[in-house]
C-alpha atoms as a PDB file:
ATOM      1  CA  UNK A   1      99.978 -92.976  52.084  1.00  0.00           C
ATOM      2  CA  UNK A   2     100.970 -90.038  49.818  1.00  0.00           C
ATOM      3  CA  UNK A   3     104.128 -87.904  50.233  1.00  0.00           C
ATOM      4  CA  UNK A   4     104.528 -84.994  47.966  1.00  0.00           C
ATOM      5  CA  UNK A   5     107.856 -83.264  47.664  1.00  0.00           C
ATOM      6  CA  UNK A   6     107.949 -79.530  46.960  1.00  0.00           C
ATOM      7  CA  UNK A   7     111.518 -78.625  45.693  1.00  0.00           C
ATOM      8  CA  UNK A   8     112.331 -75.136  46.096  1.00  0.00           C
ATOM      9  CA  UNK A   9     115.670 -75.109  44.021  1.00  0.00           C
ATOM     10  CA  UNK A  10     115.986 -72.557  41.131  1.00  0.00           C
ATOM     11  CA  UNK A  11     117.821 -75.398  39.391  1.00  0.00           C
ATOM     12  CA  UNK A  12     115.269 -77.846  39.347  1.00  0.00           C
ATOM     13  CA  UNK A  13     116.283 -81.153  37.873  1.00  0.00           C
ATOM     14  CA  UNK A  14     119.909 -80.012  37.730  1.00  0.00           C
ATOM     15  CA  UNK A  15     120.208 -79.422  41.322  1.00  0.00           C
ATOM     16  CA  UNK A  16     121.592 -81.579  44.292  1.00  0.00           C
ATOM     17  CA  UNK A  17     118.258 -81.023  46.274  1.00  0.00           C
ATOM     18  CA  UNK A  18     116.424 -82.763  43.229  1.00  0.00           C
ATOM     19  CA  UNK A  19     118.875 -85.748  43.389  1.00  0.00           C
ATOM     20  CA  UNK A  20     118.416 -86.213  47.093  1.00  0.00           C
ATOM     21  CA  UNK A  21     114.518 -85.910  46.834  1.00  0.00           C
ATOM     22  CA  UNK A  22     114.590 -88.518  44.084  1.00  0.00           C
ATOM     23  CA  UNK A  23     116.684 -90.948  45.900  1.00  0.00           C
ATOM     24  CA  UNK A  24     114.612 -90.613  48.922  1.00  0.00           C
ATOM     25  CA  UNK A  25     111.373 -91.084  46.940  1.00  0.00           C
ATOM     26  CA  UNK A  26     112.824 -94.346  45.136  1.00  0.00           C
ATOM     27  CA  UNK A  27     112.920 -95.711  48.689  1.00  0.00           C
ATOM     28  CA  UNK A  28     109.715 -94.724  49.889  1.00  0.00           C
ATOM     29  CA  UNK A  29     107.924 -96.023  46.683  1.00  0.00           C
ATOM     30  CA  UNK A  30     109.491 -99.407  47.261  1.00  0.00           C
ATOM     31  CA  UNK A  31     107.915 -99.323  50.755  1.00  0.00           C
ATOM     32  CA  UNK A  32     104.463 -98.511  49.302  1.00  0.00           C
ATOM     33  CA  UNK A  33     104.206 -94.751  49.649  1.00  0.00           C
ATOM     34  CA  UNK A  34     102.697 -92.930  46.498  1.00  0.00           C
ATOM     35  CA  UNK A  35     105.175 -90.185  46.219  1.00  0.00           C
ATOM     36  CA  UNK A  36     105.872 -87.331  43.557  1.00  0.00           C
ATOM     37  CA  UNK A  37     108.309 -84.177  43.484  1.00  0.00           C
ATOM     38  CA  UNK A  38     107.094 -81.108  42.419  1.00  0.00           C
ATOM     39  CA  UNK A  39     109.500 -78.272  41.032  1.00  0.00           C
ATOM     40  CA  UNK A  40     108.624 -75.011  42.117  1.00  0.00           C
ATOM     41  CA  UNK A  41     111.181 -73.623  39.670  1.00  0.00           C
ATOM     42  CA  UNK A  42     108.684 -74.823  36.763  1.00  0.00           C
ATOM     43  CA  UNK A  43     105.853 -72.844  38.256  1.00  0.00           C
ATOM     44  CA  UNK A  44     104.632 -69.215  38.739  1.00  0.00           C
ATOM     45  CA  UNK A  45     103.829 -68.586  42.430  1.00  0.00           C
ATOM     46  CA  UNK A  46     103.446 -64.846  43.518  1.00  0.00           C
ATOM     47  CA  UNK A  47     104.308 -63.620  46.879  1.00  0.00           C
ATOM     48  CA  UNK A  48     101.513 -63.508  49.445  1.00  0.00           C
ATOM     49  CA  UNK A  49      99.992 -60.134  49.977  1.00  0.00           C
ATOM     50  CA  UNK A  50      98.195 -60.958  53.223  1.00  0.00           C
ATOM     51  CA  UNK A  51      95.077 -59.458  52.055  1.00  0.00           C
ATOM     52  CA  UNK A  52      92.814 -61.885  54.120  1.00  0.00           C
ATOM     53  CA  UNK A  53      90.733 -62.787  51.175  1.00  0.00           C
ATOM     54  CA  UNK A  54      91.376 -66.509  51.546  1.00  0.00           C
ATOM     55  CA  UNK A  55      90.408 -66.384  55.279  1.00  0.00           C
ATOM     56  CA  UNK A  56      87.073 -63.934  54.918  1.00  0.00           C
ATOM     57  CA  UNK A  57      85.600 -63.477  51.447  1.00  0.00           C
ATOM     58  CA  UNK A  58      86.619 -66.851  49.857  1.00  0.00           C
ATOM     59  CA  UNK A  59      87.789 -69.297  52.610  1.00  0.00           C
ATOM     60  CA  UNK A  60      90.305 -71.480  51.458  1.00  0.00           C
ATOM     61  CA  UNK A  61      90.802 -69.844  48.140  1.00  0.00           C
ATOM     62  CA  UNK A  62      93.381 -67.241  47.241  1.00  0.00           C
ATOM     63  CA  UNK A  63      92.399 -64.286  45.175  1.00  0.00           C
ATOM     64  CA  UNK A  64      95.559 -64.466  43.085  1.00  0.00           C
ATOM     65  CA  UNK A  65      95.302 -66.621  39.838  1.00  0.00           C
ATOM     66  CA  UNK A  66      98.815 -68.396  39.704  1.00  0.00           C
ATOM     67  CA  UNK A  67      99.918 -71.851  39.592  1.00  0.00           C
ATOM     68  CA  UNK A  68      99.608 -72.171  43.527  1.00  0.00           C
ATOM     69  CA  UNK A  69      95.682 -72.709  42.764  1.00  0.00           C
ATOM     70  CA  UNK A  70      96.436 -76.012  41.087  1.00  0.00           C
ATOM     71  CA  UNK A  71      98.846 -77.065  43.948  1.00  0.00           C
ATOM     72  CA  UNK A  72      96.549 -76.678  46.879  1.00  0.00           C
ATOM     73  CA  UNK A  73      94.527 -79.726  46.016  1.00  0.00           C
ATOM     74  CA  UNK A  74      97.550 -81.845  45.899  1.00  0.00           C
ATOM     75  CA  UNK A  75      98.779 -80.632  49.238  1.00  0.00           C
ATOM     76  CA  UNK A  76      95.604 -81.545  50.952  1.00  0.00           C
ATOM     77  CA  UNK A  77      95.599 -84.948  49.381  1.00  0.00           C
ATOM     78  CA  UNK A  78      99.054 -85.418  50.730  1.00  0.00           C
ATOM     79  CA  UNK A  79      99.719 -87.379  54.037  1.00  0.00           C
ATOM     80  CA  UNK A  80     103.258 -86.159  54.115  1.00  0.00           C
ATOM     81  CA  UNK A  81     104.359 -82.694  53.111  1.00  0.00           C
ATOM     82  CA  UNK A  82     108.194 -82.711  52.291  1.00  0.00           C
ATOM     83  CA  UNK A  83     109.848 -79.203  51.798  1.00  0.00           C
ATOM     84  CA  UNK A  84     112.994 -79.658  49.848  1.00  0.00           C
ATOM     85  CA  UNK A  85     115.485 -76.840  49.223  1.00  0.00           C
ATOM     86  CA  UNK A  86     119.123 -75.908  48.867  1.00  0.00           C
ATOM     87  CA  UNK A  87     120.534 -73.534  51.761  1.00  0.00           C
ATOM     88  CA  UNK A  88     120.430 -69.819  50.784  1.00  0.00           C
ATOM     89  CA  UNK A  89     121.522 -67.374  53.283  1.00  0.00           C
ATOM     90  CA  UNK A  90     121.115 -69.844  55.912  1.00  0.00           C
ATOM     91  CA  UNK A  91     117.534 -70.215  55.132  1.00  0.00           C
ATOM     92  CA  UNK A  92     115.047 -71.510  52.191  1.00  0.00           C
ATOM     93  CA  UNK A  93     115.037 -70.168  48.793  1.00  0.00           C
ATOM     94  CA  UNK A  94     112.878 -67.314  47.699  1.00  0.00           C
ATOM     95  CA  UNK A  95     110.858 -69.965  45.723  1.00  0.00           C
ATOM     96  CA  UNK A  96     110.331 -72.104  48.764  1.00  0.00           C
ATOM     97  CA  UNK A  97     109.547 -69.087  51.080  1.00  0.00           C
ATOM     98  CA  UNK A  98     106.740 -67.971  48.592  1.00  0.00           C
ATOM     99  CA  UNK A  99     105.342 -71.321  48.384  1.00  0.00           C
ATOM    100  CA  UNK A 100     105.324 -71.564  52.336  1.00  0.00           C
ATOM    101  CA  UNK A 101     103.713 -68.116  52.738  1.00  0.00           C
ATOM    102  CA  UNK A 102     100.942 -68.891  50.135  1.00  0.00           C
ATOM    103  CA  UNK A 103     100.168 -71.963  52.343  1.00  0.00           C
ATOM    104  CA  UNK A 104      98.084 -69.556  54.577  1.00  0.00           C
ATOM    105  CA  UNK A 105      95.251 -70.528  52.404  1.00  0.00           C
ATOM    106  CA  UNK A 106      94.903 -73.905  53.883  1.00  0.00           C
ATOM    107  CA  UNK A 107      94.746 -72.396  57.675  1.00  0.00           C
ATOM    108  CA  UNK A 108      91.950 -70.880  59.536  1.00  0.00           C
ATOM    109  CA  UNK A 109      91.878 -67.542  60.811  1.00  0.00           C
ATOM    110  CA  UNK A 110      90.728 -68.648  64.522  1.00  0.00           C
ATOM    111  CA  UNK A 111      93.256 -69.108  67.054  1.00  0.00           C
ATOM    112  CA  UNK A 112      93.949 -71.660  69.642  1.00  0.00           C
ATOM    113  CA  UNK A 113      96.589 -72.505  72.193  1.00  0.00           C
ATOM    114  CA  UNK A 114      98.976 -75.473  71.723  1.00  0.00           C
ATOM    115  CA  UNK A 115     100.157 -77.859  74.449  1.00  0.00           C
ATOM    116  CA  UNK A 116     102.564 -75.244  75.863  1.00  0.00           C
ATOM    117  CA  UNK A 117      99.971 -72.564  76.143  1.00  0.00           C
ATOM    118  CA  UNK A 118     101.380 -70.758  72.898  1.00  0.00           C
ATOM    119  CA  UNK A 119      98.871 -69.180  70.298  1.00  0.00           C
ATOM    120  CA  UNK A 120      98.568 -70.545  66.775  1.00  0.00           C
ATOM    121  CA  UNK A 121      96.088 -70.796  64.146  1.00  0.00           C
ATOM    122  CA  UNK A 122      93.476 -73.625  64.105  1.00  0.00           C
ATOM    123  CA  UNK A 123      93.589 -76.465  61.232  1.00  0.00           C
ATOM    124  CA  UNK A 124      91.144 -76.233  58.386  1.00  0.00           C
ATOM    125  CA  UNK A 125      91.992 -79.809  56.856  1.00  0.00           C
ATOM    126  CA  UNK A 126      92.963 -83.149  58.371  1.00  0.00           C
ATOM    127  CA  UNK A 127      95.972 -83.230  55.663  1.00  0.00           C
ATOM    128  CA  UNK A 128      98.691 -83.136  55.701  1.00  0.00           C
ATOM    129  CA  UNK A 129      99.119 -84.611  59.080  1.00  0.00           C
ATOM    130  CA  UNK A 130     103.158 -84.923  58.958  1.00  0.00           C
ATOM    131  CA  UNK A 131     106.090 -82.804  57.420  1.00  0.00           C
ATOM    132  CA  UNK A 132     109.491 -83.395  56.616  1.00  0.00           C
ATOM    133  CA  UNK A 133     112.571 -81.647  55.231  1.00  0.00           C
ATOM    134  CA  UNK A 134     115.275 -82.290  52.665  1.00  0.00           C
ATOM    135  CA  UNK A 135     118.126 -79.769  52.463  1.00  0.00           C
ATOM    136  CA  UNK A 136     121.755 -79.267  51.254  1.00  0.00           C
ATOM    137  CA  UNK A 137     124.529 -76.676  50.937  1.00  0.00           C
ATOM    138  CA  UNK A 138     127.763 -76.266  49.471  1.00  0.00           C
ATOM    139  CA  UNK A 139     129.488 -75.735  52.701  1.00  0.00           C
ATOM    140  CA  UNK A 140     130.828 -79.152  54.234  1.00  0.00           C
ATOM    141  CA  UNK A 141     129.750 -78.767  57.873  1.00  0.00           C
ATOM    142  CA  UNK A 142     126.390 -79.623  59.267  1.00  0.00           C
ATOM    143  CA  UNK A 143     126.573 -76.635  61.538  1.00  0.00           C
ATOM    144  CA  UNK A 144     125.121 -74.398  58.524  1.00  0.00           C
ATOM    145  CA  UNK A 145     121.485 -75.850  59.021  1.00  0.00           C
ATOM    146  CA  UNK A 146     121.047 -74.467  62.398  1.00  0.00           C
ATOM    147  CA  UNK A 147     118.182 -72.068  60.867  1.00  0.00           C
ATOM    148  CA  UNK A 148     116.407 -74.743  59.428  1.00  0.00           C
ATOM    149  CA  UNK A 149     116.446 -76.992  62.271  1.00  0.00           C
ATOM    150  CA  UNK A 150     114.528 -74.236  64.321  1.00  0.00           C
ATOM    151  CA  UNK A 151     112.306 -73.226  61.233  1.00  0.00           C
ATOM    152  CA  UNK A 152     110.763 -76.468  60.482  1.00  0.00           C
ATOM    153  CA  UNK A 153     110.092 -77.248  64.133  1.00  0.00           C
ATOM    154  CA  UNK A 154     108.005 -74.053  64.117  1.00  0.00           C
ATOM    155  CA  UNK A 155     106.367 -74.657  60.923  1.00  0.00           C
ATOM    156  CA  UNK A 156     105.362 -78.129  62.321  1.00  0.00           C
ATOM    157  CA  UNK A 157     103.917 -76.618  65.278  1.00  0.00           C
ATOM    158  CA  UNK A 158     102.233 -73.885  63.346  1.00  0.00           C
ATOM    159  CA  UNK A 159     100.716 -76.434  61.049  1.00  0.00           C
ATOM    160  CA  UNK A 160      99.819 -78.581  63.964  1.00  0.00           C
ATOM    161  CA  UNK A 161     101.748 -81.566  62.250  1.00  0.00           C
ATOM    162  CA  UNK A 162     104.392 -83.888  63.202  1.00  0.00           C
ATOM    163  CA  UNK A 163     107.999 -83.476  61.915  1.00  0.00           C
ATOM    164  CA  UNK A 164     108.906 -86.921  60.963  1.00  0.00           C
ATOM    165  CA  UNK A 165     112.399 -86.345  59.288  1.00  0.00           C
ATOM    166  CA  UNK A 166     115.052 -83.894  58.898  1.00  0.00           C
ATOM    167  CA  UNK A 167     117.778 -84.905  56.096  1.00  0.00           C
ATOM    168  CA  UNK A 168     120.535 -82.199  55.908  1.00  0.00           C
ATOM    169  CA  UNK A 169     123.617 -82.536  53.819  1.00  0.00           C
ATOM    170  CA  UNK A 170     126.682 -80.472  53.969  1.00  0.00           C
ATOM    171  CA  UNK A 171     128.964 -80.623  51.024  1.00  0.00           C
ATOM    172  CA  UNK A 172     125.959 -81.311  48.709  1.00  0.00           C
ATOM    173  CA  UNK A 173     127.889 -80.676  45.582  1.00  0.00           C
ATOM    174  CA  UNK A 174     129.643 -83.932  45.937  1.00  0.00           C
ATOM    175  CA  UNK A 175     126.543 -85.669  45.257  1.00  0.00           C
ATOM    176  CA  UNK A 176     126.678 -84.568  41.495  1.00  0.00           C
ATOM    177  CA  UNK A 177     130.485 -84.427  41.233  1.00  0.00           C
ATOM    178  CA  UNK A 178     132.283 -86.906  39.134  1.00  0.00           C
ATOM    179  CA  UNK A 179     135.367 -88.003  41.062  1.00  0.00           C
ATOM    180  CA  UNK A 180     136.131 -91.439  40.585  1.00  0.00           C
ATOM    181  CA  UNK A 181     137.903 -91.772  44.032  1.00  0.00           C
ATOM    182  CA  UNK A 182     134.871 -90.549  45.768  1.00  0.00           C
ATOM    183  CA  UNK A 183     132.408 -92.844  43.955  1.00  0.00           C
ATOM    184  CA  UNK A 184     132.021 -95.307  46.538  1.00  0.00           C
ATOM    185  CA  UNK A 185     131.577 -92.764  49.283  1.00  0.00           C
ATOM    186  CA  UNK A 186     128.722 -90.983  47.283  1.00  0.00           C
ATOM    187  CA  UNK A 187     127.095 -94.312  46.272  1.00  0.00           C
ATOM    188  CA  UNK A 188     127.077 -95.210  49.931  1.00  0.00           C
ATOM    189  CA  UNK A 189     125.186 -92.042  50.828  1.00  0.00           C
ATOM    190  CA  UNK A 190     122.887 -92.385  48.016  1.00  0.00           C
ATOM    191  CA  UNK A 191     121.960 -95.851  49.205  1.00  0.00           C
ATOM    192  CA  UNK A 192     121.360 -94.326  52.664  1.00  0.00           C
ATOM    193  CA  UNK A 193     118.870 -91.960  51.237  1.00  0.00           C
ATOM    194  CA  UNK A 194     116.882 -94.669  49.790  1.00  0.00           C
ATOM    195  CA  UNK A 195     116.975 -96.537  53.026  1.00  0.00           C
ATOM    196  CA  UNK A 196     115.649 -93.397  54.746  1.00  0.00           C
ATOM    197  CA  UNK A 197     112.735 -93.237  52.358  1.00  0.00           C
ATOM    198  CA  UNK A 198     111.846 -96.935  52.901  1.00  0.00           C
ATOM    199  CA  UNK A 199     112.128 -96.526  56.614  1.00  0.00           C
ATOM    200  CA  UNK A 200     109.576 -93.463  56.405  1.00  0.00           C
ATOM    201  CA  UNK A 201     107.256 -95.594  54.283  1.00  0.00           C
ATOM    202  CA  UNK A 202     107.357 -98.475  56.697  1.00  0.00           C
ATOM    203  CA  UNK A 203     107.599 -96.803  60.185  1.00  0.00           C
ATOM    204  CA  UNK A 204     106.191 -93.247  59.344  1.00  0.00           C
ATOM    205  CA  UNK A 205     109.128 -91.538  60.431  1.00  0.00           C
ATOM    206  CA  UNK A 206     112.824 -91.427  60.281  1.00  0.00           C
ATOM    207  CA  UNK A 207     114.630 -93.201  63.134  1.00  0.00           C
ATOM    208  CA  UNK A 208     117.418 -91.252  65.303  1.00  0.00           C
ATOM    209  CA  UNK A 209     119.765 -94.108  64.124  1.00  0.00           C
ATOM    210  CA  UNK A 210     119.412 -93.296  60.426  1.00  0.00           C
ATOM    211  CA  UNK A 211     119.507 -89.712  60.975  1.00  0.00           C
ATOM    212  CA  UNK A 212     122.696 -89.992  62.787  1.00  0.00           C
ATOM    213  CA  UNK A 213     124.055 -91.730  59.800  1.00  0.00           C
ATOM    214  CA  UNK A 214     122.625 -89.234  57.250  1.00  0.00           C
ATOM    215  CA  UNK A 215     124.465 -86.374  59.322  1.00  0.00           C
ATOM    216  CA  UNK A 216     128.153 -87.988  59.203  1.00  0.00           C
ATOM    217  CA  UNK A 217     130.371 -86.134  56.992  1.00  0.00           C
ATOM    218  CA  UNK A 218     131.000 -87.349  53.264  1.00  0.00           C
ATOM    219  CA  UNK A 219     134.606 -87.134  53.652  1.00  0.00           C
ATOM    220  CA  UNK A 220     135.762 -87.679  57.397  1.00  0.00           C
ATOM    221  CA  UNK A 221     139.159 -86.474  58.462  1.00  0.00           C
ATOM    222  CA  UNK A 222     140.625 -83.568  60.712  1.00  0.00           C
ATOM    223  CA  UNK A 223     141.445 -81.513  57.618  1.00  0.00           C
ATOM    224  CA  UNK A 224     137.936 -82.210  55.785  1.00  0.00           C
ATOM    225  CA  UNK A 225     136.771 -78.647  55.819  1.00  0.00           C
ATOM    226  CA  UNK A 226     139.956 -77.016  54.908  1.00  0.00           C
ATOM    227  CA  UNK A 227     140.599 -79.517  51.819  1.00  0.00           C
ATOM    228  CA  UNK A 228     137.124 -78.759  50.809  1.00  0.00           C
ATOM    229  CA  UNK A 229     137.626 -75.170  50.862  1.00  0.00           C
ATOM    230  CA  UNK A 230     141.008 -75.357  48.867  1.00  0.00           C
ATOM    231  CA  UNK A 231     139.171 -77.328  46.159  1.00  0.00           C
ATOM    232  CA  UNK A 232     136.646 -75.148  45.928  1.00  0.00           C
ATOM    233  CA  UNK A 233     138.876 -72.005  46.063  1.00  0.00           C
ATOM    234  CA  UNK A 234     140.769 -73.413  43.169  1.00  0.00           C
ATOM    235  CA  UNK A 235     137.722 -73.868  41.126  1.00  0.00           C
ATOM    236  CA  UNK A 236     136.735 -70.141  41.670  1.00  0.00           C
ATOM    237  CA  UNK A 237     140.195 -68.939  40.677  1.00  0.00           C
ATOM    238  CA  UNK A 238     139.802 -71.224  37.328  1.00  0.00           C
ATOM    239  CA  UNK A 239     136.645 -69.383  36.692  1.00  0.00           C
ATOM    240  CA  UNK A 240     137.895 -65.920  37.432  1.00  0.00           C
ATOM    241  CA  UNK A 241     140.861 -66.276  35.225  1.00  0.00           C
ATOM    242  CA  UNK A 242     138.427 -67.106  32.358  1.00  0.00           C
ATOM    243  CA  UNK A 243     135.600 -64.620  32.396  1.00  0.00           C
ATOM    244  CA  UNK A 244     133.867 -66.080  29.724  1.00  0.00           C
ATOM    245  CA  UNK A 245     132.930 -69.199  31.462  1.00  0.00           C
ATOM    246  CA  UNK A 246     129.883 -69.519  33.385  1.00  0.00           C
ATOM    247  CA  UNK A 247     129.695 -71.069  37.077  1.00  0.00           C
ATOM    248  CA  UNK A 248     127.807 -73.743  35.948  1.00  0.00           C
ATOM    249  CA  UNK A 249     130.298 -75.019  33.405  1.00  0.00           C
ATOM    250  CA  UNK A 250     132.798 -75.792  36.174  1.00  0.00           C
ATOM    251  CA  UNK A 251     130.396 -76.235  39.106  1.00  0.00           C
ATOM    252  CA  UNK A 252     127.549 -77.995  37.410  1.00  0.00           C
ATOM    253  CA  UNK A 253     124.818 -78.118  40.106  1.00  0.00           C
ATOM    254  CA  UNK A 254     127.114 -77.963  43.378  1.00  0.00           C
ATOM    255  CA  UNK A 255     125.453 -75.099  44.821  1.00  0.00           C
ATOM    256  CA  UNK A 256     121.836 -76.163  44.703  1.00  0.00           C
END
């Protein structure tokens, strides 16, 4: 079984999204899955122009000559397609949205009715048959992923695929922040990500029990959000008092 992670973080290897995806892939590979992570930040993918060429004139082939052309065979060779993205304005990043829009090339222009009697496009290819999502945001609460929870259920429906795993991490910046007191907590979560990868490799999907564990706050407590907010505001105040500094100098990869 092959799993391909498409990472839409502009920060690439410096982002928390990359860390999460790599940990998940470590576990998946241990269970026998062939897995790779593709960084969209390293590629040139133009927006879809909705010209219809890939459906009529050159079925399955986009008229644009960019890096998406080389990605299509890798997508169609994958059993599981994973969308990995930091949260930008309650949604996926622009890089990821361009990638998602360009997936039109693997579809078919004909329509069908799904099991609920709702229209969608028919499938052109047997793979991928499953999708999953990995996402993180700077805010600590899990409630910030409401849009993505709806979005990827719709994507799974539109692609006639099964949504096998959703991994959302509020307070994602803690994954790459070196605070000695937090190391046991962070290492525990990282271990859980590896376990999630193993589980998907062995069972073909993420269990409800593991999903529940992954949803738990990294720092439980009644003042978790307020304490987190105060620490972030202190860092911003430090940056604002020294305009010559770049946000990455203080925040590292906290925001992606």
